[in-house]
């Protein structure tokens, strides 16, 4: 409801106030009628949300196991477990489509079939998630290692 300068000048102050109140009540009714539906996240979405904490805890646990010489290398344990998790999470998704990004665009422009692009994109997304989880796990591993080093230095000095 745009009014021109001439209409505003010709109307009295009481009429302008009445129009402003009317406009404000219309805006309030428009704002209050909009609803947002809440959708409960699935079990896999909850695991995905807590993935950072799980990877940090896994890194801390692996560092403690290497400290007590239960395991000698983290890689033979971490790689199969992490890839198994990502494969299971990929299997449980009903619609399997890669995240749309530069790689999918590059593959589509390259002239590959849509089916091949979809499977290559899913593989690349899985490897990307594995790499990110591995970095987060390494962060947890290093934090616990630094904690052990600080504790060892404090105990040897005192």
Protein backbone atom coordinates (compact mmCIF):
# COMPACT_ATOMS: atom_id res chain seq x y z
CA UNK A 1 0.00 0.00 0.00
CA UNK A 2 2.26 2.71 -1.24
CA UNK A 3 0.91 6.21 -0.96
CA UNK A 4 2.12 9.15 -2.95
CA UNK A 5 3.31 12.41 -1.47
CA UNK A 6 0.17 14.22 -2.66
CA UNK A 7 -2.12 11.68 -0.94
CA UNK A 8 -0.10 11.92 2.24
CA UNK A 9 -0.21 15.71 2.22
CA UNK A 10 -3.95 15.85 1.54
CA UNK A 11 -4.88 13.41 4.31
CA UNK A 12 -5.11 14.56 7.89
CA UNK A 13 -2.86 13.34 10.70
CA UNK A 14 -5.67 11.21 12.14
CA UNK A 15 -6.18 9.46 8.80
CA UNK A 16 -2.42 8.75 8.48
CA UNK A 17 -2.33 7.27 12.01
CA UNK A 18 -5.36 5.10 11.22
CA UNK A 19 -3.67 3.80 8.04
CA UNK A 20 -0.45 3.03 9.91
CA UNK A 21 -2.36 1.08 12.56
CA UNK A 22 -4.25 -0.80 9.87
CA UNK A 23 -1.00 -1.62 8.04
CA UNK A 24 0.64 -2.78 11.28
CA UNK A 25 -2.25 -5.12 12.12
CA UNK A 26 -2.15 -6.59 8.59
CA UNK A 27 1.59 -7.26 8.94
CA UNK A 28 1.05 -8.93 12.33
CA UNK A 29 -1.60 -11.26 10.92
CA UNK A 30 0.67 -12.16 8.01
CA UNK A 31 3.59 -12.91 10.37
CA UNK A 32 1.54 -14.97 12.83
CA UNK A 33 -0.10 -17.24 10.24
CA UNK A 34 3.19 -18.65 8.93
CA UNK A 35 4.04 -22.05 10.43
CA UNK A 36 7.22 -24.07 10.29
CA UNK A 37 6.85 -27.82 10.52
CA UNK A 38 9.35 -29.64 12.74
CA UNK A 39 10.62 -32.93 11.43
CA UNK A 40 12.26 -35.38 13.81
CA UNK A 41 15.78 -36.33 12.66
CA UNK A 42 16.40 -39.98 11.87
CA UNK A 43 18.83 -42.16 13.81
CA UNK A 44 21.52 -41.79 11.14
CA UNK A 45 21.12 -38.00 11.20
CA UNK A 46 21.70 -38.00 14.96
CA UNK A 47 24.86 -40.06 14.50
CA UNK A 48 25.96 -37.65 11.78
CA UNK A 49 25.42 -34.69 14.13
CA UNK A 50 27.50 -36.30 16.87
CA UNK A 51 30.22 -37.49 14.48
CA UNK A 52 32.80 -34.92 15.61
CA UNK A 53 32.49 -35.95 19.24
CA UNK A 54 32.61 -39.63 18.30
CA UNK A 55 35.77 -39.16 16.22
CA UNK A 56 37.53 -37.19 18.97
CA UNK A 57 36.61 -39.87 21.52
CA UNK A 58 37.81 -42.60 19.13
CA UNK A 59 41.13 -40.78 18.72
CA UNK A 60 41.51 -40.45 22.48
CA UNK A 61 40.71 -44.13 23.01
CA UNK A 62 43.15 -45.19 20.30
CA UNK A 63 45.90 -43.07 21.89
CA UNK A 64 45.26 -44.65 25.27
CA UNK A 65 45.42 -48.12 23.69
CA UNK A 66 48.73 -47.29 22.01
CA UNK A 67 50.07 -45.83 25.25
CA UNK A 68 49.44 -49.11 27.08
CA UNK A 69 50.83 -51.11 24.09
CA UNK A 70 47.55 -52.88 23.44
CA UNK A 71 47.85 -51.86 19.79
CA UNK A 72 50.93 -50.77 17.90
CA UNK A 73 49.35 -48.96 14.96
CA UNK A 74 46.10 -47.07 14.69
CA UNK A 75 45.63 -47.45 10.94
CA UNK A 76 44.67 -51.17 10.80
CA UNK A 77 41.89 -50.50 13.29
CA UNK A 78 40.69 -47.05 12.20
CA UNK A 79 40.52 -47.49 8.43
CA UNK A 80 38.25 -50.59 8.33
CA UNK A 81 35.99 -49.32 11.12
CA UNK A 82 35.57 -45.88 9.59
CA UNK A 83 34.98 -47.17 6.06
CA UNK A 84 32.50 -49.74 7.41
CA UNK A 85 30.60 -46.96 9.19
CA UNK A 86 30.46 -44.82 6.05
CA UNK A 87 29.41 -47.79 3.92
CA UNK A 88 26.63 -48.74 6.36
CA UNK A 89 25.40 -45.16 6.52
CA UNK A 90 25.36 -45.05 2.72
CA UNK A 91 23.40 -48.32 2.53
CA UNK A 92 20.73 -47.09 4.96
CA UNK A 93 19.96 -43.96 2.93
CA UNK A 94 16.87 -44.50 0.78
CA UNK A 95 17.75 -42.11 -2.05
CA UNK A 96 21.39 -42.27 -2.99
CA UNK A 97 22.52 -39.04 -4.59
CA UNK A 98 25.87 -37.28 -4.16
CA UNK A 99 26.17 -33.83 -2.66
CA UNK A 100 25.89 -31.36 -5.47
CA UNK A 101 29.13 -29.51 -5.89
CA UNK A 102 32.04 -28.83 -8.18
CA UNK A 103 32.93 -32.50 -8.64
CA UNK A 104 29.44 -33.48 -9.77
CA UNK A 105 29.38 -30.52 -12.17
CA UNK A 106 32.82 -31.46 -13.50
CA UNK A 107 31.77 -35.06 -14.07
CA UNK A 108 28.53 -34.04 -15.80
CA UNK A 109 30.31 -31.59 -18.10
CA UNK A 110 32.84 -34.31 -18.89
CA UNK A 111 30.12 -36.18 -20.75
CA UNK A 112 29.69 -39.11 -18.36
CA UNK A 113 26.34 -40.80 -17.95
CA UNK A 114 24.15 -39.71 -15.07
CA UNK A 115 24.34 -43.13 -13.40
CA UNK A 116 28.14 -43.15 -13.50
CA UNK A 117 28.26 -39.59 -12.16
CA UNK A 118 25.95 -40.58 -9.32
CA UNK A 119 28.09 -43.55 -8.25
CA UNK A 120 31.38 -41.69 -8.65
CA UNK A 121 29.94 -38.77 -6.69
CA UNK A 122 28.84 -41.10 -3.88
CA UNK A 123 32.31 -42.66 -3.79
CA UNK A 124 33.99 -39.27 -3.67
CA UNK A 125 31.61 -38.09 -0.92
CA UNK A 126 32.35 -41.23 1.11
CA UNK A 127 36.10 -40.73 0.73
CA UNK A 128 35.76 -37.06 1.67
CA UNK A 129 33.79 -37.94 4.82
CA UNK A 130 36.38 -40.61 5.69
CA UNK A 131 39.20 -38.09 5.28
CA UNK A 132 37.44 -35.51 7.45
CA UNK A 133 36.69 -38.07 10.17
CA UNK A 134 40.31 -39.23 10.07
CA UNK A 135 41.54 -35.68 10.57
CA UNK A 136 39.20 -35.15 13.49
CA UNK A 137 40.27 -38.49 14.99
CA UNK A 138 43.93 -37.47 14.58
CA UNK A 139 43.16 -34.23 16.41
CA UNK A 140 41.75 -36.17 19.37
CA UNK A 141 44.73 -38.52 19.23
CA UNK A 142 47.20 -35.63 19.33
CA UNK A 143 45.34 -33.81 22.12
CA UNK A 144 45.55 -36.86 24.36
CA UNK A 145 49.20 -37.36 23.37
CA UNK A 146 50.01 -33.77 24.34
CA UNK A 147 48.15 -34.30 27.60
CA UNK A 148 50.28 -37.38 28.32
CA UNK A 149 53.44 -35.43 27.52
CA UNK A 150 52.49 -32.56 29.85
CA UNK A 151 51.62 -35.02 32.60
CA UNK A 152 54.93 -36.85 32.11
CA UNK A 153 56.90 -33.56 32.22
CA UNK A 154 55.13 -32.44 35.39
CA UNK A 155 55.74 -35.78 37.09
CA UNK A 156 59.43 -35.91 36.18
CA UNK A 157 60.13 -32.34 37.31
CA UNK A 158 58.47 -32.72 40.70
